[in-house]
Amino acid sequence: MANPYFIVSIETVPIEIEKYINLDEDSKRELLNPIDSKIIAIGIRCQNKNKIFCGENEKEILDKFWFEWNLITKGSSYNLIIGFNISSFDIPFIATRSFINGNIISPFSLKQMIDLRDKINAYRYGKTRGKLKEYASLLKLKTSEIEGKDIAKLYSDKDLDKIKSHLSDNLKVIEGLYKRAVETNIIKINRW
């Protein structure tokens, strides 16, 4: 793995969380967008260390995230940004919520981004099965007991430590998937 990389993952909750908790699953899914939801945690994994920014102040979380991003990428435009569903969810969410909150972002190129879900599925068009937890299980990687659907309740209960732990585990799993993708040359699958 010659190219330096860092991993990004986020946790989000609907802005009107009290209403969300009582909705059916389809209605809950509709609210998971950057207009109706906000970021409550962002994790970065770089050089075997996790940094988790978590709390109720989204603008502050984003400021800390972009500051860390700048530290990692300063002097090198060749850092790879790794994630699972990062191009469809995490990065668009971060960019949109930064816009809404007035956070100054660090410019980047989508060419630097590696979405492991896209690579593993060879850029299959449409819905595909395969959540992060499912791939982790197949590769026997340790994951947290928490599911994505549990985050809103944990946040509502102010259990930020469990959210941080869950996000930290996810960052390690993503790195494990990345290493497997490199070993198997899956990482070299390109769309065009």
N, C-alpha and C. Protein backbone atom coordinates (compact mmCIF):
# COMPACT_ATOMS: atom_id res chain seq x y z
N MET A 1 0.83 -1.17 0.00
CA MET A 1 0.00 0.00 0.00
C MET A 1 0.88 1.24 0.00
N ALA A 2 1.41 1.55 -1.16
CA ALA A 2 2.35 2.64 -1.28
C ALA A 2 1.69 4.00 -1.11
N ASN A 3 0.47 4.14 -1.59
CA ASN A 3 -0.20 5.45 -1.50
C ASN A 3 -0.66 5.73 -0.08
N PRO A 4 -0.32 6.90 0.44
CA PRO A 4 -0.85 7.25 1.77
C PRO A 4 -2.36 7.44 1.68
N TYR A 5 -3.05 7.01 2.72
CA TYR A 5 -4.51 7.11 2.70
C TYR A 5 -5.01 7.45 4.09
N PHE A 6 -6.24 7.94 4.11
CA PHE A 6 -6.97 8.06 5.37
C PHE A 6 -8.41 7.67 5.12
N ILE A 7 -9.06 7.25 6.18
CA ILE A 7 -10.41 6.71 6.11
C ILE A 7 -11.36 7.69 6.76
N VAL A 8 -12.53 7.85 6.16
CA VAL A 8 -13.55 8.76 6.69
C VAL A 8 -14.88 8.01 6.81
N SER A 9 -15.57 8.23 7.92
CA SER A 9 -16.90 7.69 8.10
C SER A 9 -17.69 8.64 9.00
N ILE A 10 -19.00 8.67 8.83
CA ILE A 10 -19.84 9.59 9.62
C ILE A 10 -21.02 8.86 10.24
N GLU A 11 -21.60 9.51 11.24
CA GLU A 11 -22.87 9.09 11.82
C GLU A 11 -23.80 10.30 11.78
N THR A 12 -25.04 10.05 11.42
CA THR A 12 -26.01 11.14 11.27
C THR A 12 -27.31 10.79 12.01
N VAL A 13 -28.05 11.83 12.33
CA VAL A 13 -29.39 11.65 12.92
C VAL A 13 -30.31 12.71 12.34
N PRO A 14 -31.59 12.42 12.27
CA PRO A 14 -32.54 13.44 11.83
C PRO A 14 -32.55 14.63 12.78
N ILE A 15 -32.78 15.79 12.22
CA ILE A 15 -32.81 17.02 13.00
C ILE A 15 -33.97 16.97 14.00
N GLU A 16 -35.12 16.48 13.56
CA GLU A 16 -36.27 16.33 14.46
C GLU A 16 -36.31 14.89 14.96
N ILE A 17 -35.42 14.58 15.86
CA ILE A 17 -35.19 13.20 16.29
C ILE A 17 -36.37 12.59 17.04
N GLU A 18 -37.10 13.39 17.80
CA GLU A 18 -38.23 12.86 18.56
C GLU A 18 -39.29 12.29 17.62
N LYS A 19 -39.57 12.99 16.53
CA LYS A 19 -40.55 12.50 15.54
C LYS A 19 -40.03 11.26 14.83
N TYR A 20 -38.74 11.25 14.55
CA TYR A 20 -38.10 10.16 13.80
C TYR A 20 -38.23 8.81 14.51
N ILE A 21 -38.02 8.80 15.80
CA ILE A 21 -37.97 7.54 16.55
C ILE A 21 -39.28 6.75 16.43
N ASN A 22 -40.40 7.43 16.25
CA ASN A 22 -41.70 6.76 16.17
C ASN A 22 -42.16 6.44 14.75
N LEU A 23 -41.34 6.74 13.76
CA LEU A 23 -41.72 6.49 12.36
C LEU A 23 -41.46 5.04 11.95
N ASP A 24 -42.13 4.61 10.86
CA ASP A 24 -41.86 3.29 10.30
C ASP A 24 -40.52 3.35 9.55
N GLU A 25 -39.97 2.20 9.21
CA GLU A 25 -38.63 2.12 8.61
C GLU A 25 -38.51 2.91 7.29
N ASP A 26 -39.52 2.84 6.42
CA ASP A 26 -39.46 3.57 5.15
C ASP A 26 -39.42 5.08 5.38
N SER A 27 -40.23 5.56 6.30
CA SER A 27 -40.25 7.00 6.60
C SER A 27 -38.93 7.43 7.23
N LYS A 28 -38.35 6.57 8.05
CA LYS A 28 -37.05 6.87 8.66
C LYS A 28 -35.98 7.02 7.58
N ARG A 29 -35.96 6.11 6.62
CA ARG A 29 -34.97 6.16 5.53
C ARG A 29 -35.08 7.45 4.73
N GLU A 30 -36.28 7.93 4.52
CA GLU A 30 -36.50 9.16 3.76
C GLU A 30 -35.85 10.37 4.44
N LEU A 31 -35.73 10.34 5.75
CA LEU A 31 -35.16 11.47 6.48
C LEU A 31 -33.63 11.46 6.51
N LEU A 32 -33.02 10.38 6.06
CA LEU A 32 -31.56 10.30 6.09
C LEU A 32 -30.96 10.97 4.86
N ASN A 33 -31.06 12.28 4.88
CA ASN A 33 -30.50 13.12 3.82
C ASN A 33 -29.97 14.39 4.49
N PRO A 34 -29.08 15.12 3.82
CA PRO A 34 -28.46 16.27 4.49
C PRO A 34 -29.37 17.49 4.69
N ILE A 35 -30.58 17.44 4.21
CA ILE A 35 -31.53 18.53 4.47
C ILE A 35 -32.29 18.25 5.77
N ASP A 36 -32.70 17.00 5.97
CA ASP A 36 -33.51 16.64 7.12
C ASP A 36 -32.70 16.06 8.28
N SER A 37 -31.43 15.79 8.07
CA SER A 37 -30.59 15.19 9.10
C SER A 37 -29.31 15.98 9.27
N LYS A 38 -28.60 15.69 10.36
CA LYS A 38 -27.34 16.38 10.64
C LYS A 38 -26.28 15.36 11.04
N ILE A 39 -25.03 15.79 10.97
CA ILE A 39 -23.91 14.96 11.38
C ILE A 39 -23.71 15.10 12.88
N ILE A 40 -23.58 13.95 13.56
CA ILE A 40 -23.31 13.99 15.00
C ILE A 40 -21.94 13.42 15.33
N ALA A 41 -21.32 12.75 14.34
CA ALA A 41 -19.98 12.20 14.56
C ALA A 41 -19.29 12.00 13.21
N ILE A 42 -18.02 12.35 13.19
CA ILE A 42 -17.17 12.07 12.03
C ILE A 42 -15.91 11.40 12.56
N GLY A 43 -15.52 10.33 11.90
CA GLY A 43 -14.29 9.65 12.27
C GLY A 43 -13.30 9.66 11.13
N ILE A 44 -12.03 9.82 11.50
CA ILE A 44 -10.92 9.73 10.55
C ILE A 44 -9.94 8.70 11.10
N ARG A 45 -9.49 7.81 10.25
CA ARG A 45 -8.44 6.85 10.62
C ARG A 45 -7.25 7.11 9.71
N CYS A 46 -6.12 7.39 10.32
CA CYS A 46 -4.90 7.68 9.57
C CYS A 46 -3.72 7.12 10.36
N GLN A 47 -2.88 6.36 9.69
CA GLN A 47 -1.69 5.77 10.31
C GLN A 47 -2.04 5.00 11.58
N ASN A 48 -3.04 4.14 11.47
CA ASN A 48 -3.48 3.24 12.55
C ASN A 48 -4.04 3.95 13.78
N LYS A 49 -4.45 5.20 13.64
CA LYS A 49 -5.03 5.93 14.75
C LYS A 49 -6.37 6.52 14.33
N ASN A 50 -7.33 6.44 15.23
CA ASN A 50 -8.65 7.02 14.99
C ASN A 50 -8.77 8.36 15.69
N LYS A 51 -9.42 9.30 15.01
CA LYS A 51 -9.83 10.56 15.63
C LYS A 51 -11.33 10.65 15.40
N ILE A 52 -12.06 10.81 16.50
CA ILE A 52 -13.51 10.88 16.43
C ILE A 52 -13.95 12.25 16.93
N PHE A 53 -14.75 12.93 16.11
CA PHE A 53 -15.33 14.21 16.49
C PHE A 53 -16.82 13.97 16.65
N CYS A 54 -17.31 14.17 17.87
CA CYS A 54 -18.69 13.78 18.17
C CYS A 54 -19.31 14.79 19.12
N GLY A 55 -20.59 15.05 18.95
CA GLY A 55 -21.29 15.94 19.86
C GLY A 55 -22.56 16.48 19.26
N GLU A 56 -23.08 17.51 19.89
CA GLU A 56 -24.34 18.10 19.46
C GLU A 56 -24.14 19.31 18.55
N ASN A 57 -22.94 19.89 18.57
CA ASN A 57 -22.66 21.08 17.78
C ASN A 57 -22.05 20.68 16.43
N GLU A 58 -22.91 20.57 15.43
CA GLU A 58 -22.47 20.09 14.12
C GLU A 58 -21.41 20.99 13.50
N LYS A 59 -21.57 22.30 13.60
CA LYS A 59 -20.60 23.23 13.02
C LYS A 59 -19.22 23.00 13.61
N GLU A 60 -19.16 22.80 14.91
CA GLU A 60 -17.89 22.55 15.60
C GLU A 60 -17.28 21.21 15.15
N ILE A 61 -18.11 20.19 15.02
CA ILE A 61 -17.63 18.88 14.54
C ILE A 61 -17.01 19.05 13.15
N LEU A 62 -17.70 19.76 12.28
CA LEU A 62 -17.20 19.97 10.92
C LEU A 62 -15.92 20.81 10.91
N ASP A 63 -15.84 21.83 11.75
CA ASP A 63 -14.60 22.62 11.83
C ASP A 63 -13.42 21.74 12.23
N LYS A 64 -13.62 20.91 13.24
CA LYS A 64 -12.55 20.02 13.69
C LYS A 64 -12.18 19.02 12.60
N PHE A 65 -13.18 18.50 11.91
CA PHE A 65 -12.93 17.55 10.82
C PHE A 65 -12.09 18.19 9.72
N TRP A 66 -12.50 19.37 9.26
CA TRP A 66 -11.76 20.02 8.17
C TRP A 66 -10.35 20.43 8.61
N PHE A 67 -10.20 20.80 9.87
CA PHE A 67 -8.86 21.13 10.38
C PHE A 67 -7.97 19.89 10.31
N GLU A 68 -8.51 18.75 10.76
CA GLU A 68 -7.75 17.49 10.71
C GLU A 68 -7.46 17.08 9.27
N TRP A 69 -8.44 17.22 8.41
CA TRP A 69 -8.26 16.92 6.98
C TRP A 69 -7.09 17.73 6.43
N ASN A 70 -7.04 19.03 6.75
CA ASN A 70 -5.95 19.89 6.29
C ASN A 70 -4.61 19.44 6.82
N LEU A 71 -4.55 19.02 8.08
CA LEU A 71 -3.30 18.52 8.64
C LEU A 71 -2.81 17.28 7.89
N ILE A 72 -3.72 16.38 7.58
CA ILE A 72 -3.36 15.14 6.90
C ILE A 72 -2.91 15.39 5.47
N THR A 73 -3.61 16.26 4.77
CA THR A 73 -3.34 16.44 3.34
C THR A 73 -2.34 17.55 3.03
N LYS A 74 -1.95 18.32 4.02
CA LYS A 74 -1.04 19.44 3.78
C LYS A 74 0.25 18.96 3.13
N GLY A 75 0.59 19.58 2.01
CA GLY A 75 1.81 19.24 1.30
C GLY A 75 1.71 18.01 0.42
N SER A 76 0.56 17.34 0.42
CA SER A 76 0.40 16.16 -0.42
C SER A 76 -1.00 16.11 -1.00
N SER A 77 -1.09 16.20 -2.29
CA SER A 77 -2.41 16.09 -2.92
C SER A 77 -2.69 14.65 -3.36
N TYR A 78 -1.83 13.73 -2.95
CA TYR A 78 -1.98 12.35 -3.40
C TYR A 78 -2.54 11.42 -2.34
N ASN A 79 -2.99 11.96 -1.23
CA ASN A 79 -3.61 11.12 -0.22
C ASN A 79 -4.91 10.56 -0.76
N LEU A 80 -5.11 9.27 -0.55
CA LEU A 80 -6.37 8.64 -0.93
C LEU A 80 -7.36 8.78 0.21
N ILE A 81 -8.59 9.03 -0.12
CA ILE A 81 -9.67 9.14 0.85
C ILE A 81 -10.49 7.87 0.70
N ILE A 82 -10.50 7.05 1.73
CA ILE A 82 -11.12 5.73 1.67
C ILE A 82 -12.39 5.74 2.51
N GLY A 83 -13.41 5.04 2.04
CA GLY A 83 -14.63 4.88 2.82
C GLY A 83 -15.50 3.79 2.24
N PHE A 84 -16.56 3.49 2.94
CA PHE A 84 -17.54 2.51 2.48
C PHE A 84 -18.83 3.27 2.24
N ASN A 85 -19.23 3.37 0.99
CA ASN A 85 -20.37 4.17 0.55
C ASN A 85 -20.07 5.67 0.72
N ILE A 86 -18.81 5.99 0.66
CA ILE A 86 -18.34 7.36 0.88
C ILE A 86 -18.75 8.31 -0.23
N SER A 87 -18.78 7.82 -1.47
CA SER A 87 -19.11 8.73 -2.58
C SER A 87 -20.61 8.99 -2.70
N SER A 88 -21.42 8.09 -2.18
CA SER A 88 -22.87 8.29 -2.25
C SER A 88 -23.45 8.86 -0.97
N PHE A 89 -22.73 8.71 0.14
CA PHE A 89 -23.31 9.16 1.40
C PHE A 89 -22.39 10.11 2.18
N ASP A 90 -21.27 9.62 2.67
CA ASP A 90 -20.46 10.40 3.62
C ASP A 90 -19.99 11.74 3.07
N ILE A 91 -19.30 11.74 1.94
CA ILE A 91 -18.73 12.99 1.42
C ILE A 91 -19.83 13.96 0.96
N PRO A 92 -20.86 13.51 0.22
CA PRO A 92 -21.93 14.47 -0.11
C PRO A 92 -22.60 15.04 1.14
N PHE A 93 -22.77 14.22 2.17
CA PHE A 93 -23.39 14.69 3.41
C PHE A 93 -22.49 15.73 4.07
N ILE A 94 -21.19 15.44 4.15
CA ILE A 94 -20.25 16.38 4.77
C ILE A 94 -20.22 17.70 3.99
N ALA A 95 -20.17 17.62 2.68
CA ALA A 95 -20.12 18.84 1.86
C ALA A 95 -21.40 19.67 2.03
N THR A 96 -22.54 19.02 1.97
CA THR A 96 -23.81 19.74 2.09
C THR A 96 -23.98 20.36 3.47
N ARG A 97 -23.68 19.60 4.51
CA ARG A 97 -23.83 20.13 5.86
C ARG A 97 -22.80 21.23 6.13
N SER A 98 -21.62 21.15 5.51
CA SER A 98 -20.63 22.24 5.62
C SER A 98 -21.18 23.50 4.96
N PHE A 99 -21.81 23.34 3.81
CA PHE A 99 -22.44 24.47 3.11
C PHE A 99 -23.52 25.11 3.99
N ILE A 100 -24.39 24.27 4.55
CA ILE A 100 -25.49 24.76 5.38
C ILE A 100 -24.98 25.50 6.62
N ASN A 101 -23.92 24.95 7.24
CA ASN A 101 -23.37 25.54 8.47
C ASN A 101 -22.37 26.66 8.22
N GLY A 102 -21.97 26.86 6.97
CA GLY A 102 -21.01 27.91 6.65
C GLY A 102 -19.57 27.53 6.99
N ASN A 103 -19.27 26.23 7.06
CA ASN A 103 -17.91 25.77 7.31
C ASN A 103 -17.07 25.92 6.05
N ILE A 104 -15.83 26.36 6.22
CA ILE A 104 -14.89 26.44 5.11
C ILE A 104 -14.30 25.04 4.91
N ILE A 105 -14.43 24.51 3.71
CA ILE A 105 -13.93 23.17 3.44
C ILE A 105 -12.52 23.24 2.85
N SER A 106 -11.89 22.10 2.82
CA SER A 106 -10.60 21.96 2.14
C SER A 106 -10.89 21.34 0.78
N PRO A 107 -10.57 22.03 -0.31
CA PRO A 107 -10.86 21.48 -1.64
C PRO A 107 -10.19 20.12 -1.84
N PHE A 108 -10.86 19.27 -2.59
CA PHE A 108 -10.34 17.94 -2.89
C PHE A 108 -10.88 17.50 -4.23
N SER A 109 -10.31 16.43 -4.73
CA SER A 109 -10.76 15.87 -6.00
C SER A 109 -11.43 14.52 -5.75
N LEU A 110 -12.52 14.29 -6.44
CA LEU A 110 -13.19 13.00 -6.31
C LEU A 110 -12.32 11.86 -6.83
N LYS A 111 -11.31 12.18 -7.62
CA LYS A 111 -10.36 11.17 -8.10
C LYS A 111 -9.56 10.57 -6.95
N GLN A 112 -9.43 11.31 -5.85
CA GLN A 112 -8.69 10.83 -4.68
C GLN A 112 -9.52 9.84 -3.85
N MET A 113 -10.80 9.76 -4.11
CA MET A 113 -11.70 8.99 -3.28
C MET A 113 -11.83 7.55 -3.76
N ILE A 114 -11.77 6.64 -2.81
CA ILE A 114 -12.01 5.23 -3.11
C ILE A 114 -13.20 4.78 -2.27
N ASP A 115 -14.27 4.45 -2.96
CA ASP A 115 -15.47 3.93 -2.30
C ASP A 115 -15.40 2.41 -2.38
N LEU A 116 -15.11 1.79 -1.26
CA LEU A 116 -14.94 0.33 -1.24
C LEU A 116 -16.20 -0.42 -1.64
N ARG A 117 -17.35 0.14 -1.32
CA ARG A 117 -18.59 -0.53 -1.73
C ARG A 117 -18.68 -0.59 -3.26
N ASP A 118 -18.31 0.50 -3.92
CA ASP A 118 -18.30 0.51 -5.39
C ASP A 118 -17.29 -0.49 -5.94
N LYS A 119 -16.11 -0.51 -5.36
CA LYS A 119 -15.05 -1.42 -5.85
C LYS A 119 -15.47 -2.88 -5.68
N ILE A 120 -15.94 -3.23 -4.48
CA ILE A 120 -16.31 -4.62 -4.21
C ILE A 120 -17.42 -5.08 -5.13
N ASN A 121 -18.33 -4.19 -5.48
CA ASN A 121 -19.46 -4.52 -6.37
C ASN A 121 -19.16 -4.23 -7.83
N ALA A 122 -17.91 -3.90 -8.15
CA ALA A 122 -17.50 -3.58 -9.52
C ALA A 122 -18.42 -2.54 -10.15
N TYR A 123 -18.76 -1.52 -9.35
CA TYR A 123 -19.58 -0.40 -9.80
C TYR A 123 -20.94 -0.84 -10.34
N ARG A 124 -21.50 -1.86 -9.76
CA ARG A 124 -22.82 -2.35 -10.19
C ARG A 124 -23.83 -1.22 -10.10
N TYR A 125 -24.64 -1.09 -11.11
CA TYR A 125 -25.67 -0.05 -11.14
C TYR A 125 -26.87 -0.52 -10.33
N GLY A 126 -27.48 0.38 -9.59
CA GLY A 126 -28.69 0.07 -8.82
C GLY A 126 -28.36 -0.43 -7.43
N LYS A 127 -29.40 -0.84 -6.73
CA LYS A 127 -29.24 -1.29 -5.35
C LYS A 127 -28.47 -2.60 -5.33
N THR A 128 -27.57 -2.69 -4.36
CA THR A 128 -26.82 -3.92 -4.17
C THR A 128 -26.89 -4.30 -2.70
N ARG A 129 -26.84 -5.57 -2.46
CA ARG A 129 -26.82 -6.05 -1.08
C ARG A 129 -25.38 -5.99 -0.60
N GLY A 130 -25.22 -5.75 0.66
CA GLY A 130 -23.89 -5.74 1.24
C GLY A 130 -23.63 -4.52 2.07
N LYS A 131 -23.98 -4.61 3.34
CA LYS A 131 -23.69 -3.55 4.29
C LYS A 131 -22.28 -3.78 4.84
N LEU A 132 -21.74 -2.74 5.45
CA LEU A 132 -20.41 -2.82 6.03
C LEU A 132 -20.32 -3.99 7.01
N LYS A 133 -21.31 -4.11 7.87
CA LYS A 133 -21.33 -5.18 8.88
C LYS A 133 -21.35 -6.56 8.23
N GLU A 134 -22.04 -6.70 7.10
CA GLU A 134 -22.10 -8.00 6.41
C GLU A 134 -20.74 -8.38 5.83
N TYR A 135 -20.06 -7.42 5.22
CA TYR A 135 -18.73 -7.71 4.69
C TYR A 135 -17.75 -8.00 5.83
N ALA A 136 -17.88 -7.27 6.91
CA ALA A 136 -17.01 -7.51 8.07
C ALA A 136 -17.20 -8.94 8.58
N SER A 137 -18.43 -9.38 8.65
CA SER A 137 -18.73 -10.73 9.10
C SER A 137 -18.11 -11.77 8.16
N LEU A 138 -18.25 -11.55 6.86
CA LEU A 138 -17.69 -12.49 5.89
C LEU A 138 -16.17 -12.60 6.00
N LEU A 139 -15.52 -11.48 6.35
CA LEU A 139 -14.06 -11.47 6.49
C LEU A 139 -13.61 -11.69 7.93
N LYS A 140 -14.58 -11.96 8.81
CA LYS A 140 -14.30 -12.21 10.23
C LYS A 140 -13.59 -11.03 10.91
N LEU A 141 -14.03 -9.84 10.57
CA LEU A 141 -13.53 -8.62 11.19
C LEU A 141 -14.46 -8.24 12.34
N LYS A 142 -13.91 -7.82 13.45
CA LYS A 142 -14.70 -7.46 14.64
C LYS A 142 -15.50 -6.18 14.37
N THR A 143 -16.78 -6.24 14.67
CA THR A 143 -17.63 -5.05 14.54
C THR A 143 -18.35 -4.80 15.86
N SER A 144 -18.91 -3.63 15.98
CA SER A 144 -19.69 -3.34 17.18
C SER A 144 -21.05 -4.01 17.06
N GLU A 145 -21.70 -4.16 18.19
CA GLU A 145 -23.04 -4.75 18.22
C GLU A 145 -24.10 -3.77 17.73
N ILE A 146 -23.73 -2.51 17.66
CA ILE A 146 -24.67 -1.46 17.29
C ILE A 146 -24.92 -1.47 15.79
N GLU A 147 -26.15 -1.25 15.41
CA GLU A 147 -26.55 -1.12 14.01
C GLU A 147 -26.74 0.38 13.72
N GLY A 148 -26.68 0.74 12.45
CA GLY A 148 -26.91 2.13 12.07
C GLY A 148 -28.25 2.66 12.56
N LYS A 149 -29.26 1.79 12.57
CA LYS A 149 -30.59 2.21 13.01
C LYS A 149 -30.65 2.53 14.50
N ASP A 150 -29.63 2.11 15.27
CA ASP A 150 -29.59 2.36 16.71
C ASP A 150 -29.03 3.74 17.06
N ILE A 151 -28.39 4.40 16.11
CA ILE A 151 -27.68 5.65 16.39
C ILE A 151 -28.62 6.74 16.89
N ALA A 152 -29.78 6.89 16.28
CA ALA A 152 -30.71 7.94 16.69
C ALA A 152 -31.14 7.77 18.15
N LYS A 153 -31.43 6.55 18.55
CA LYS A 153 -31.83 6.29 19.95
C LYS A 153 -30.67 6.57 20.89
N LEU A 154 -29.46 6.13 20.52
CA LEU A 154 -28.29 6.40 21.36
C LEU A 154 -28.07 7.90 21.50
N TYR A 155 -28.23 8.62 20.40
CA TYR A 155 -28.05 10.07 20.43
C TYR A 155 -29.12 10.72 21.30
N SER A 156 -30.35 10.27 21.15
CA SER A 156 -31.46 10.79 21.94
C SER A 156 -31.22 10.54 23.44
N ASP A 157 -30.60 9.40 23.76
CA ASP A 157 -30.28 9.05 25.15
C ASP A 157 -28.97 9.68 25.62
N LYS A 158 -28.34 10.47 24.74
CA LYS A 158 -27.06 11.14 25.04
C LYS A 158 -25.93 10.15 25.34
N ASP A 159 -25.97 8.98 24.68
CA ASP A 159 -24.93 7.96 24.86
C ASP A 159 -23.88 8.10 23.76
N LEU A 160 -23.15 9.21 23.81
CA LEU A 160 -22.17 9.52 22.77
C LEU A 160 -20.98 8.56 22.81
N ASP A 161 -20.67 8.00 23.98
CA ASP A 161 -19.54 7.07 24.06
C ASP A 161 -19.78 5.82 23.21
N LYS A 162 -21.01 5.31 23.22
CA LYS A 162 -21.33 4.13 22.39
C LYS A 162 -21.25 4.49 20.91
N ILE A 163 -21.68 5.68 20.56
CA ILE A 163 -21.61 6.13 19.17
C ILE A 163 -20.15 6.23 18.74
N LYS A 164 -19.30 6.82 19.58
CA LYS A 164 -17.87 6.93 19.27
C LYS A 164 -17.24 5.56 19.11
N SER A 165 -17.57 4.65 20.00
CA SER A 165 -17.02 3.29 19.94
C SER A 165 -17.44 2.58 18.65
N HIS A 166 -18.71 2.73 18.32
CA HIS A 166 -19.24 2.14 17.08
C HIS A 166 -18.51 2.70 15.86
N LEU A 167 -18.34 4.01 15.81
CA LEU A 167 -17.67 4.65 14.69
C LEU A 167 -16.20 4.22 14.62
N SER A 168 -15.56 4.12 15.76
CA SER A 168 -14.17 3.66 15.81
C SER A 168 -14.04 2.25 15.25
N ASP A 169 -14.95 1.36 15.64
CA ASP A 169 -14.96 -0.01 15.09
C ASP A 169 -15.16 0.01 13.58
N ASN A 170 -16.08 0.85 13.10
CA ASN A 170 -16.34 0.93 11.66
C ASN A 170 -15.09 1.36 10.89
N LEU A 171 -14.34 2.32 11.44
CA LEU A 171 -13.12 2.77 10.77
C LEU A 171 -12.12 1.63 10.62
N LYS A 172 -12.00 0.81 11.64
CA LYS A 172 -11.08 -0.34 11.59
C LYS A 172 -11.56 -1.37 10.57
N VAL A 173 -12.86 -1.59 10.52
CA VAL A 173 -13.43 -2.53 9.54
C VAL A 173 -13.18 -2.03 8.12
N ILE A 174 -13.40 -0.75 7.90
CA ILE A 174 -13.16 -0.18 6.57
C ILE A 174 -11.70 -0.38 6.17
N GLU A 175 -10.81 -0.18 7.11
CA GLU A 175 -9.38 -0.40 6.80
C GLU A 175 -9.12 -1.88 6.47
N GLY A 176 -9.76 -2.77 7.19
CA GLY A 176 -9.63 -4.21 6.89
C GLY A 176 -10.14 -4.54 5.49
N LEU A 177 -11.26 -3.95 5.11
CA LEU A 177 -11.79 -4.16 3.75
C LEU A 177 -10.84 -3.58 2.71
N TYR A 178 -10.28 -2.42 3.00
CA TYR A 178 -9.34 -1.80 2.07
C TYR A 178 -8.12 -2.70 1.86
N LYS A 179 -7.58 -3.23 2.94
CA LYS A 179 -6.41 -4.12 2.81
C LYS A 179 -6.74 -5.35 1.98
N ARG A 180 -7.92 -5.92 2.18
CA ARG A 180 -8.34 -7.08 1.38
C ARG A 180 -8.51 -6.69 -0.08
N ALA A 181 -9.07 -5.52 -0.33
CA ALA A 181 -9.26 -5.05 -1.72
C ALA A 181 -7.91 -4.85 -2.41
N VAL A 182 -6.92 -4.39 -1.67
CA VAL A 182 -5.57 -4.24 -2.25
C VAL A 182 -4.98 -5.62 -2.54
N GLU A 183 -5.07 -6.55 -1.58
CA GLU A 183 -4.51 -7.90 -1.73
C GLU A 183 -5.11 -8.63 -2.92
N THR A 184 -6.38 -8.41 -3.18
CA THR A 184 -7.09 -9.15 -4.24
C THR A 184 -7.17 -8.39 -5.56
N ASN A 185 -6.55 -7.21 -5.63
CA ASN A 185 -6.59 -6.34 -6.80
C ASN A 185 -7.98 -5.78 -7.10
N ILE A 186 -8.93 -5.99 -6.23
CA ILE A 186 -10.27 -5.39 -6.39
C ILE A 186 -10.12 -3.87 -6.45
N ILE A 187 -9.13 -3.36 -5.73
CA ILE A 187 -8.91 -1.92 -5.68
C ILE A 187 -8.61 -1.34 -7.06
N LYS A 188 -8.15 -2.17 -7.98
CA LYS A 188 -7.77 -1.72 -9.31
C LYS A 188 -8.93 -1.71 -10.31
N ILE A 189 -10.11 -2.09 -9.86
CA ILE A 189 -11.28 -2.01 -10.74
C ILE A 189 -11.64 -0.53 -10.89
N ASN A 190 -11.73 -0.08 -12.11
CA ASN A 190 -12.09 1.30 -12.39
C ASN A 190 -13.34 1.36 -13.24
N ARG A 191 -14.09 2.41 -13.05
CA ARG A 191 -15.33 2.57 -13.79
C ARG A 191 -15.07 2.81 -15.28
N TRP A 192 -14.11 3.64 -15.59
CA TRP A 192 -13.86 3.97 -16.99
C TRP A 192 -12.41 3.73 -17.34
